[in-house]
Amino acid sequence: MSGMEREYICDRTLEGHESARKRGKTIGGAVVTDADMLAMALHLRDQEMSLRDIAKRLVITTGAKKGQHPSPATVMRMLREHDEQITTTRA
């Protein structure tokens, strides 16, 4: 019984996300990265710095988290998305 309820909740959640996307809403948190942050992260990565060290040097410039540092996971995602975008444009 609980498995059916969990599946029902999951389906309703996905329907809600789809409905929100159709209305132009975004799902998830606010974007904290920008082009300047990406450029600095790429520069620091070229110097073979760790993700943690890169995250400590970057500063969020807009939004509610202004002045804070992004998480290493955010830095990793930003760099991975950049690398994937470069790979797809070359193919």
Protein backbone atom coordinates (compact mmCIF):
# COMPACT_ATOMS: atom_id res chain seq x y z
CA MET A 1 0.00 0.00 0.00
CA SER A 2 2.76 2.47 0.90
CA GLY A 3 4.54 1.72 -2.39
CA MET A 4 1.44 2.72 -4.33
CA GLU A 5 1.11 5.92 -2.32
CA ARG A 6 4.77 6.81 -2.91
CA GLU A 7 4.31 6.23 -6.65
CA TYR A 8 1.17 8.40 -6.65
CA ILE A 9 3.02 11.24 -4.87
CA CYS A 10 5.93 10.95 -7.33
CA ASP A 11 3.58 11.11 -10.32
CA ARG A 12 1.78 14.16 -8.92
CA THR A 13 5.09 15.89 -8.24
CA LEU A 14 6.28 15.28 -11.80
CA GLU A 15 2.97 16.56 -13.15
CA GLY A 16 3.36 19.70 -11.04
CA HIS A 17 6.89 20.27 -12.35
CA GLU A 18 5.72 19.81 -15.93
CA SER A 19 2.83 22.21 -15.38
CA ALA A 20 5.18 24.80 -13.87
CA ARG A 21 7.60 24.50 -16.81
CA LYS A 22 4.73 25.04 -19.26
CA ARG A 23 3.91 28.25 -17.37
CA GLY A 24 7.52 29.38 -17.69
CA LYS A 25 8.55 28.70 -14.09
CA THR A 26 11.95 27.27 -13.26
CA ILE A 27 12.45 24.35 -10.93
CA GLY A 28 15.28 24.49 -8.42
CA GLY A 29 17.36 27.16 -6.80
CA ALA A 30 18.49 30.47 -8.20
CA VAL A 31 21.49 30.57 -10.50
CA VAL A 32 24.54 31.87 -8.63
CA THR A 33 27.15 31.54 -11.37
CA ASP A 34 27.97 34.01 -14.12
CA ALA A 35 30.45 34.38 -16.98
CA ASP A 36 33.07 36.11 -14.82
CA MET A 37 32.91 33.35 -12.22
CA LEU A 38 33.26 30.71 -14.95
CA ALA A 39 36.28 32.49 -16.44
CA MET A 40 37.97 32.65 -13.04
CA ALA A 41 37.16 29.00 -12.31
CA LEU A 42 38.63 27.94 -15.67
CA HIS A 43 41.76 29.96 -14.96
CA LEU A 44 42.17 28.41 -11.52
CA ARG A 45 41.51 24.92 -12.89
CA ASP A 46 44.27 25.46 -15.46
CA GLN A 47 46.57 26.10 -12.47
CA GLU A 48 45.54 22.62 -11.22
CA MET A 49 43.77 23.86 -8.10
CA SER A 50 41.28 21.56 -6.35
CA LEU A 51 37.54 22.22 -6.53
CA ARG A 52 37.52 23.19 -2.86
CA ASP A 53 40.28 25.73 -3.35
CA ILE A 54 38.57 27.14 -6.44
CA ALA A 55 35.28 27.47 -4.53
CA LYS A 56 37.06 29.31 -1.69
CA ARG A 57 38.41 31.90 -4.14
CA LEU A 58 35.14 32.54 -5.98
CA VAL A 59 32.48 34.91 -4.63
CA ILE A 60 28.79 35.00 -5.56
CA THR A 61 28.00 38.50 -6.86
CA THR A 62 24.19 38.53 -7.05
CA GLY A 63 21.10 37.28 -5.28
CA ALA A 64 20.42 36.23 -1.72
CA LYS A 65 23.82 34.51 -1.42
CA LYS A 66 25.77 37.59 -2.52
CA GLY A 67 29.21 37.68 -0.90
CA GLN A 68 29.27 33.97 -0.10
CA HIS A 69 31.37 31.30 -1.75
CA PRO A 70 29.79 28.68 -4.05
CA SER A 71 30.00 25.06 -2.98
CA PRO A 72 32.56 22.76 -4.61
CA ALA A 73 29.60 20.89 -6.15
CA THR A 74 28.43 24.11 -7.81
CA VAL A 75 31.92 24.72 -9.18
CA MET A 76 32.12 21.14 -10.45
CA ARG A 77 28.70 21.44 -12.15
CA MET A 78 29.61 24.78 -13.71
CA LEU A 79 32.88 23.41 -15.12
CA ARG A 80 31.27 20.17 -16.31
CA GLU A 81 28.49 22.06 -18.13
CA HIS A 82 31.10 24.28 -19.76
CA ASP A 83 33.16 21.26 -20.86
CA GLU A 84 30.05 19.51 -22.23
CA GLN A 85 29.04 22.64 -24.14
CA ILE A 86 32.52 22.91 -25.67
CA THR A 87 32.45 19.21 -26.62
CA THR A 88 29.04 19.44 -28.31
CA THR A 89 29.97 22.55 -30.30
CA ARG A 90 33.12 20.87 -31.63
CA ALA A 91 31.24 17.73 -32.71
